[in-house]
Amino acid sequence: MQENLLIGFIVIWVALVLGSVMLFQRGKDVARKRKLWPIYTVFSNVVIGGFIVYMQPPTMWMMAILVLLVPLTLLTIRLNQIL
């Protein structure tokens, strides 16, 4: 069971990386990139949070990680708006 979960996580992670490269490293449309960045960031962190919940770590660890994901997401989006 854990091996299947790990393989699924790796496959989804690679898909997110490839999607990121295709969306943000190629092309020259800065306005489009700025529009899609918050959506991509929230989506990728929701996927990571979903895997954390699905893996069912101890409750305190799970809550701490999920609580840390929220400000990390917001700061990542804000940093993109500043730069």
C-alpha atoms as a PDB file:
ATOM      1  CA  MET A   1       0.000   0.000   0.000  1.00  0.00           C
ATOM      2  CA  GLN A   2       2.722   2.495   0.958  1.00  0.00           C
ATOM      3  CA  GLU A   3       4.706   1.699  -2.211  1.00  0.00           C
ATOM      4  CA  ASN A   4       1.668   2.458  -4.379  1.00  0.00           C
ATOM      5  CA  LEU A   5       1.157   5.718  -2.530  1.00  0.00           C
ATOM      6  CA  LEU A   6       4.794   6.665  -3.023  1.00  0.00           C
ATOM      7  CA  ILE A   7       4.662   5.823  -6.726  1.00  0.00           C
ATOM      8  CA  GLY A   8       1.458   7.850  -7.114  1.00  0.00           C
ATOM      9  CA  PHE A   9       3.013  10.793  -5.296  1.00  0.00           C
ATOM     10  CA  ILE A  10       6.115  10.673  -7.502  1.00  0.00           C
ATOM     11  CA  VAL A  11       4.020  10.481 -10.691  1.00  0.00           C
ATOM     12  CA  ILE A  12       1.877  13.444  -9.648  1.00  0.00           C
ATOM     13  CA  TRP A  13       4.948  15.405  -8.515  1.00  0.00           C
ATOM     14  CA  VAL A  14       6.644  14.838 -11.893  1.00  0.00           C
ATOM     15  CA  ALA A  15       3.438  15.917 -13.653  1.00  0.00           C
ATOM     16  CA  LEU A  16       3.375  19.116 -11.569  1.00  0.00           C
ATOM     17  CA  VAL A  17       7.027  19.803 -12.417  1.00  0.00           C
ATOM     18  CA  LEU A  18       6.430  19.229 -16.132  1.00  0.00           C
ATOM     19  CA  GLY A  19       3.345  21.428 -16.018  1.00  0.00           C
ATOM     20  CA  SER A  20       5.321  24.133 -14.268  1.00  0.00           C
ATOM     21  CA  VAL A  21       8.096  24.009 -16.847  1.00  0.00           C
ATOM     22  CA  MET A  22       5.599  24.124 -19.706  1.00  0.00           C
ATOM     23  CA  LEU A  23       3.651  27.011 -18.194  1.00  0.00           C
ATOM     24  CA  PHE A  24       6.354  29.180 -16.659  1.00  0.00           C
ATOM     25  CA  GLN A  25       9.652  28.454 -18.385  1.00  0.00           C
ATOM     26  CA  ARG A  26       8.380  28.595 -21.941  1.00  0.00           C
ATOM     27  CA  GLY A  27       6.655  31.470 -23.605  1.00  0.00           C
ATOM     28  CA  LYS A  28       7.005  35.170 -23.119  1.00  0.00           C
ATOM     29  CA  ASP A  29       3.526  36.194 -21.973  1.00  0.00           C
ATOM     30  CA  VAL A  30       4.270  37.616 -18.524  1.00  0.00           C
ATOM     31  CA  ALA A  31       0.662  38.599 -17.832  1.00  0.00           C
ATOM     32  CA  ARG A  32      -0.494  35.026 -18.423  1.00  0.00           C
ATOM     33  CA  LYS A  33       2.238  33.658 -16.165  1.00  0.00           C
ATOM     34  CA  ARG A  34       1.283  36.054 -13.363  1.00  0.00           C
ATOM     35  CA  LYS A  35      -2.369  35.086 -13.743  1.00  0.00           C
ATOM     36  CA  LEU A  36      -1.681  31.336 -13.646  1.00  0.00           C
ATOM     37  CA  TRP A  37       0.925  31.366 -10.845  1.00  0.00           C
ATOM     38  CA  PRO A  38      -1.520  31.692  -7.894  1.00  0.00           C
ATOM     39  CA  ILE A  39      -3.761  28.975  -9.355  1.00  0.00           C
ATOM     40  CA  TYR A  40      -0.808  26.645  -9.886  1.00  0.00           C
ATOM     41  CA  THR A  41       0.598  27.326  -6.416  1.00  0.00           C
ATOM     42  CA  VAL A  42      -2.705  26.673  -4.643  1.00  0.00           C
ATOM     43  CA  PHE A  43      -3.357  23.545  -6.718  1.00  0.00           C
ATOM     44  CA  SER A  44       0.079  22.054  -6.073  1.00  0.00           C
ATOM     45  CA  ASN A  45      -0.139  22.729  -2.329  1.00  0.00           C
ATOM     46  CA  VAL A  46      -3.640  21.234  -2.160  1.00  0.00           C
ATOM     47  CA  VAL A  47      -2.260  18.101  -3.837  1.00  0.00           C
ATOM     48  CA  ILE A  48       0.591  17.943  -1.330  1.00  0.00           C
ATOM     49  CA  GLY A  49      -1.859  18.512   1.538  1.00  0.00           C
ATOM     50  CA  GLY A  50      -4.102  15.769   0.193  1.00  0.00           C
ATOM     51  CA  PHE A  51      -1.235  13.310   0.199  1.00  0.00           C
ATOM     52  CA  ILE A  52      -0.323  14.315   3.739  1.00  0.00           C
ATOM     53  CA  VAL A  53      -3.880  13.688   4.922  1.00  0.00           C
ATOM     54  CA  TYR A  54      -4.084  10.411   2.996  1.00  0.00           C
ATOM     55  CA  MET A  55      -0.840   9.124   4.536  1.00  0.00           C
ATOM     56  CA  GLN A  56      -2.346   9.690   8.000  1.00  0.00           C
ATOM     57  CA  PRO A  57       0.689  10.737  10.021  1.00  0.00           C
ATOM     58  CA  PRO A  58       0.201  11.411  13.745  1.00  0.00           C
ATOM     59  CA  THR A  59      -2.448  14.091  14.175  1.00  0.00           C
ATOM     60  CA  MET A  60      -0.145  16.741  15.629  1.00  0.00           C
ATOM     61  CA  TRP A  61       2.369  16.331  12.783  1.00  0.00           C
ATOM     62  CA  MET A  62      -0.388  16.438  10.186  1.00  0.00           C
ATOM     63  CA  MET A  63      -1.928  19.587  11.631  1.00  0.00           C
ATOM     64  CA  ALA A  64       1.472  21.296  11.927  1.00  0.00           C
ATOM     65  CA  ILE A  65       2.370  20.542   8.311  1.00  0.00           C
ATOM     66  CA  LEU A  66      -1.017  21.604   6.992  1.00  0.00           C
ATOM     67  CA  VAL A  67      -0.952  24.819   9.037  1.00  0.00           C
ATOM     68  CA  LEU A  68       2.516  25.616   7.661  1.00  0.00           C
ATOM     69  CA  LEU A  69       1.339  25.046   4.081  1.00  0.00           C
ATOM     70  CA  VAL A  70      -1.103  27.970   4.253  1.00  0.00           C
ATOM     71  CA  PRO A  71       1.385  30.792   4.967  1.00  0.00           C
ATOM     72  CA  LEU A  72       3.915  29.147   2.655  1.00  0.00           C
ATOM     73  CA  THR A  73       1.372  29.279  -0.168  1.00  0.00           C
ATOM     74  CA  LEU A  74       0.426  32.883   0.556  1.00  0.00           C
ATOM     75  CA  LEU A  75       4.047  34.007   0.773  1.00  0.00           C
ATOM     76  CA  THR A  76       4.897  32.256  -2.483  1.00  0.00           C
ATOM     77  CA  ILE A  77       2.034  34.001  -4.271  1.00  0.00           C
ATOM     78  CA  ARG A  78       2.917  37.361  -2.735  1.00  0.00           C
ATOM     79  CA  LEU A  79       6.594  37.033  -3.666  1.00  0.00           C
ATOM     80  CA  ASN A  80       5.575  36.486  -7.283  1.00  0.00           C
ATOM     81  CA  GLN A  81       3.500  39.685  -7.236  1.00  0.00           C
ATOM     82  CA  ILE A  82       6.411  41.714  -5.860  1.00  0.00           C
ATOM     83  CA  LEU A  83       8.983  40.463  -8.347  1.00  0.00           C
END
